[in-house]
C-alpha atoms as a PDB file:
ATOM      1  CA  MET A   1       5.696  82.365-172.355  1.00  0.00           C
ATOM      2  CA  PHE A   2       5.240  85.826-173.939  1.00  0.00           C
ATOM      3  CA  ILE A   3       5.416  84.378-177.451  1.00  0.00           C
ATOM      4  CA  GLY A   4       2.752  81.799-176.588  1.00  0.00           C
ATOM      5  CA  ILE A   5       0.370  84.441-175.210  1.00  0.00           C
ATOM      6  CA  PHE A   6       1.043  86.686-178.201  1.00  0.00           C
ATOM      7  CA  GLY A   7       0.314  83.778-180.565  1.00  0.00           C
ATOM      8  CA  VAL A   8      -2.965  83.024-178.801  1.00  0.00           C
ATOM      9  CA  LEU A   9      -3.979  86.692-179.014  1.00  0.00           C
ATOM     10  CA  ILE A  10      -3.230  86.840-182.735  1.00  0.00           C
ATOM     11  CA  ALA A  11      -5.100  83.576-183.380  1.00  0.00           C
ATOM     12  CA  THR A  12      -8.085  84.897-181.398  1.00  0.00           C
ATOM     13  CA  TRP A  13      -8.053  88.169-183.353  1.00  0.00           C
ATOM     14  CA  ILE A  14      -7.969  86.257-186.655  1.00  0.00           C
ATOM     15  CA  LEU A  15     -10.873  84.021-185.616  1.00  0.00           C
ATOM     16  CA  ILE A  16     -12.963  86.994-184.468  1.00  0.00           C
ATOM     17  CA  THR A  17     -12.257  88.836-187.728  1.00  0.00           C
ATOM     18  CA  LEU A  18     -13.188  85.795-189.834  1.00  0.00           C
ATOM     19  CA  ARG A  19     -16.374  85.246-187.846  1.00  0.00           C
ATOM     20  CA  ARG A  20     -17.372  88.899-188.200  1.00  0.00           C
ATOM     21  CA  SER A  21     -16.665  88.774-191.943  1.00  0.00           C
ATOM     22  CA  ARG A  22     -18.758  85.625-192.425  1.00  0.00           C
ATOM     23  CA  LYS A  23     -21.594  87.069-190.358  1.00  0.00           C
ATOM     24  CA  ARG A  24     -21.615  90.266-192.462  1.00  0.00           C
ATOM     25  CA  LYS A  25     -21.521  88.260-195.691  1.00  0.00           C
ATOM     26  CA  ALA A  26     -24.533  86.200-194.569  1.00  0.00           C
ATOM     27  CA  ALA A  27     -26.446  89.358-193.569  1.00  0.00           C
ATOM     28  CA  ILE A  28     -25.734  91.027-196.925  1.00  0.00           C
ATOM     29  CA  LYS A  29     -26.802  87.878-198.800  1.00  0.00           C
ATOM     30  CA  GLU A  30     -30.051  87.951-196.827  1.00  0.00           C
ATOM     31  CA  LEU A  31     -30.517  91.668-197.576  1.00  0.00           C
ATOM     32  CA  ALA A  32     -29.875  91.041-201.286  1.00  0.00           C
ATOM     33  CA  SER A  33     -32.414  88.239-201.518  1.00  0.00           C
ATOM     34  CA  GLY A  34     -34.981  90.339-199.642  1.00  0.00           C
ATOM     35  CA  ILE A  35     -34.810  93.165-202.195  1.00  0.00           C
ATOM     36  CA  ASP A  36     -34.279  90.995-205.318  1.00  0.00           C
ATOM     37  CA  PHE A  37     -30.599  91.853-205.742  1.00  0.00           C
ATOM     38  CA  LYS A  38     -27.940  89.390-206.925  1.00  0.00           C
ATOM     39  CA  PHE A  39     -25.022  88.584-204.636  1.00  0.00           C
ATOM     40  CA  LEU A  40     -21.804  88.795-206.698  1.00  0.00           C
ATOM     41  CA  ASP A  41     -19.354  88.216-203.797  1.00  0.00           C
ATOM     42  CA  THR A  42     -16.027  89.893-204.754  1.00  0.00           C
ATOM     43  CA  THR A  43     -16.652  90.734-208.416  1.00  0.00           C
ATOM     44  CA  LEU A  44     -17.651  94.232-209.470  1.00  0.00           C
ATOM     45  CA  PRO A  45     -19.616  94.389-212.741  1.00  0.00           C
ATOM     46  CA  ARG A  46     -17.359  95.380-215.642  1.00  0.00           C
ATOM     47  CA  ASP A  47     -19.325  98.485-216.514  1.00  0.00           C
ATOM     48  CA  LEU A  48     -18.739 100.028-213.080  1.00  0.00           C
ATOM     49  CA  ASP A  49     -15.846 102.244-214.065  1.00  0.00           C
ATOM     50  CA  GLY A  50     -13.195 102.284-211.348  1.00  0.00           C
ATOM     51  CA  SER A  51     -11.410 105.299-212.777  1.00  0.00           C
ATOM     52  CA  GLY A  52     -12.733 107.686-210.135  1.00  0.00           C
ATOM     53  CA  LYS A  53     -10.523 108.640-207.210  1.00  0.00           C
ATOM     54  CA  VAL A  54     -12.615 106.833-204.618  1.00  0.00           C
ATOM     55  CA  LEU A  55     -12.651 103.417-206.278  1.00  0.00           C
ATOM     56  CA  ALA A  56      -9.051 103.713-207.473  1.00  0.00           C
ATOM     57  CA  ARG A  57      -7.927 103.885-203.822  1.00  0.00           C
ATOM     58  CA  SER A  58      -9.701 100.632-202.997  1.00  0.00           C
ATOM     59  CA  SER A  59      -7.490  97.568-203.167  1.00  0.00           C
ATOM     60  CA  SER A  60     -10.179  94.885-202.941  1.00  0.00           C
ATOM     61  CA  PHE A  61     -13.944  94.506-202.915  1.00  0.00           C
ATOM     62  CA  SER A  62     -16.332  92.164-201.136  1.00  0.00           C
ATOM     63  CA  ASN A  63     -20.027  91.630-200.479  1.00  0.00           C
ATOM     64  CA  VAL A  64     -20.966  93.000-203.900  1.00  0.00           C
ATOM     65  CA  ILE A  65     -24.712  93.085-204.558  1.00  0.00           C
ATOM     66  CA  GLU A  66     -26.446  94.334-207.689  1.00  0.00           C
ATOM     67  CA  GLY A  67     -30.027  95.052-208.612  1.00  0.00           C
ATOM     68  CA  VAL A  68     -32.568  97.521-209.937  1.00  0.00           C
ATOM     69  CA  ARG A  69     -34.566  99.884-207.730  1.00  0.00           C
ATOM     70  CA  TYR A  70     -37.376 101.829-209.402  1.00  0.00           C
ATOM     71  CA  GLY A  71     -35.751 101.484-212.815  1.00  0.00           C
ATOM     72  CA  VAL A  72     -32.283 102.541-211.636  1.00  0.00           C
ATOM     73  CA  ARG A  73     -29.406 100.062-211.503  1.00  0.00           C
ATOM     74  CA  VAL A  74     -27.697  99.964-208.111  1.00  0.00           C
ATOM     75  CA  ILE A  75     -24.562  98.205-206.875  1.00  0.00           C
ATOM     76  CA  ALA A  76     -23.555  98.148-203.208  1.00  0.00           C
ATOM     77  CA  PHE A  77     -20.239  96.778-202.000  1.00  0.00           C
ATOM     78  CA  ASP A  78     -17.518  96.938-199.369  1.00  0.00           C
ATOM     79  CA  GLY A  79     -14.067  98.137-200.338  1.00  0.00           C
ATOM     80  CA  SER A  80     -10.720  97.951-198.603  1.00  0.00           C
ATOM     81  CA  VAL A  81      -8.954 101.322-198.775  1.00  0.00           C
ATOM     82  CA  GLY A  82      -5.212 101.771-198.350  1.00  0.00           C
ATOM     83  CA  ALA A  83      -2.608  99.162-197.515  1.00  0.00           C
ATOM     84  CA  GLY A  84      -0.987  97.579-194.504  1.00  0.00           C
ATOM     85  CA  GLY A  85      -1.573  99.086-191.085  1.00  0.00           C
ATOM     86  CA  TYR A  86      -3.153 102.152-192.662  1.00  0.00           C
ATOM     87  CA  SER A  87      -5.933 100.273-194.425  1.00  0.00           C
ATOM     88  CA  TRP A  88      -9.588 100.501-193.516  1.00  0.00           C
ATOM     89  CA  GLU A  89     -12.894  99.442-195.005  1.00  0.00           C
ATOM     90  CA  ARG A  90     -15.767 101.435-196.406  1.00  0.00           C
ATOM     91  CA  THR A  91     -19.186 100.643-197.875  1.00  0.00           C
ATOM     92  CA  TYR A  92     -20.116 102.113-201.261  1.00  0.00           C
ATOM     93  CA  ILE A  93     -23.429 102.495-203.078  1.00  0.00           C
ATOM     94  CA  ALA A  94     -23.148 102.995-206.853  1.00  0.00           C
ATOM     95  CA  ILE A  95     -26.126 104.410-208.775  1.00  0.00           C
ATOM     96  CA  SER A  96     -26.133 104.080-212.572  1.00  0.00           C
ATOM     97  CA  SER A  97     -27.597 107.500-213.286  1.00  0.00           C
ATOM     98  CA  ILE A  98     -25.940 110.597-211.915  1.00  0.00           C
ATOM     99  CA  PRO A  99     -28.480 112.802-210.131  1.00  0.00           C
ATOM    100  CA  SER A 100     -28.006 116.556-210.501  1.00  0.00           C
ATOM    101  CA  VAL A 101     -28.860 117.006-206.824  1.00  0.00           C
ATOM    102  CA  LEU A 102     -28.583 114.279-204.220  1.00  0.00           C
ATOM    103  CA  PRO A 103     -31.837 113.479-202.424  1.00  0.00           C
ATOM    104  CA  GLU A 104     -32.278 114.636-198.839  1.00  0.00           C
ATOM    105  CA  TRP A 105     -31.845 111.093-197.489  1.00  0.00           C
ATOM    106  CA  CYS A 106     -28.241 111.166-198.730  1.00  0.00           C
ATOM    107  CA  GLN A 107     -27.191 113.642-196.044  1.00  0.00           C
ATOM    108  CA  GLY A 108     -24.057 112.351-194.391  1.00  0.00           C
ATOM    109  CA  LEU A 109     -22.907 110.657-197.588  1.00  0.00           C
ATOM    110  CA  GLU A 110     -20.455 112.023-200.109  1.00  0.00           C
ATOM    111  CA  ALA A 111     -20.799 111.406-203.823  1.00  0.00           C
ATOM    112  CA  GLU A 112     -18.264 111.083-206.602  1.00  0.00           C
ATOM    113  CA  ASN A 113     -18.925 110.563-210.292  1.00  0.00           C
ATOM    114  CA  SER A 114     -17.141 107.659-211.925  1.00  0.00           C
ATOM    115  CA  GLY A 115     -18.047 107.347-215.592  1.00  0.00           C
ATOM    116  CA  GLU A 116     -21.822 106.895-215.785  1.00  0.00           C
ATOM    117  CA  TRP A 117     -22.062 106.137-212.079  1.00  0.00           C
ATOM    118  CA  ALA A 118     -22.582 108.151-208.909  1.00  0.00           C
ATOM    119  CA  ILE A 119     -20.653 106.521-206.065  1.00  0.00           C
ATOM    120  CA  LEU A 120     -22.059 107.293-202.613  1.00  0.00           C
ATOM    121  CA  PHE A 121     -20.090 106.660-199.442  1.00  0.00           C
ATOM    122  CA  ARG A 122     -19.871 107.843-195.878  1.00  0.00           C
ATOM    123  CA  SER A 123     -17.469 110.744-195.435  1.00  0.00           C
ATOM    124  CA  PRO A 124     -14.218 109.531-193.930  1.00  0.00           C
ATOM    125  CA  SER A 125     -13.621 110.671-190.391  1.00  0.00           C
ATOM    126  CA  TYR A 126     -11.838 109.381-187.361  1.00  0.00           C
ATOM    127  CA  TYR A 127     -15.013 107.748-186.070  1.00  0.00           C
ATOM    128  CA  PHE A 128     -16.417 106.340-189.320  1.00  0.00           C
ATOM    129  CA  ARG A 129     -13.529 104.463-190.899  1.00  0.00           C
ATOM    130  CA  SER A 130     -15.510 101.283-190.956  1.00  0.00           C
ATOM    131  CA  LEU A 131     -18.194  99.469-192.855  1.00  0.00           C
ATOM    132  CA  MET A 132     -21.742 100.749-192.894  1.00  0.00           C
ATOM    133  CA  PRO A 133     -23.989  98.517-190.766  1.00  0.00           C
ATOM    134  CA  VAL A 134     -26.086  96.180-192.931  1.00  0.00           C
ATOM    135  CA  SER A 135     -29.279  97.651-191.451  1.00  0.00           C
ATOM    136  CA  GLU A 136     -28.212 101.165-192.525  1.00  0.00           C
ATOM    137  CA  LEU A 137     -27.256  99.923-195.998  1.00  0.00           C
ATOM    138  CA  GLY A 138     -30.697  98.330-196.273  1.00  0.00           C
ATOM    139  CA  LEU A 139     -32.373 101.628-195.374  1.00  0.00           C
ATOM    140  CA  TYR A 140     -30.409 103.500-198.053  1.00  0.00           C
ATOM    141  CA  LEU A 141     -31.275 100.873-200.657  1.00  0.00           C
ATOM    142  CA  GLU A 142     -34.958 101.033-199.693  1.00  0.00           C
ATOM    143  CA  LYS A 143     -34.979 104.822-200.188  1.00  0.00           C
ATOM    144  CA  LEU A 144     -33.523 104.713-203.692  1.00  0.00           C
END
């Protein structure tokens, strides 16, 4: 009896997770088409150097979008950080030119240089170990 209930709970959790993932993917595709970005799915462009600490900790990427905003190349994507039960997801925004000072709208985001790129991401904390809402990502991309 216990094993059956446990199996149903796990199957339900998997279905909810898959549904949430598909819903996010559809929303990011819609965002990308609305701002003339390309949806690249799980493939980061080759010139986005993953040698920085932040990207090196990510084990996989999804919902990759790429485009140009006001002459600056931008890539936004979700990354899975860590492994096993200690893994969590985070949304990144990569900007091809490294600003000397981050704009005011970047408050609440950290930045790390990775080659020719500035990688912006929400500071990890107990409460924000999750993906950035698509609406918030859209606002950041609009402000670039």
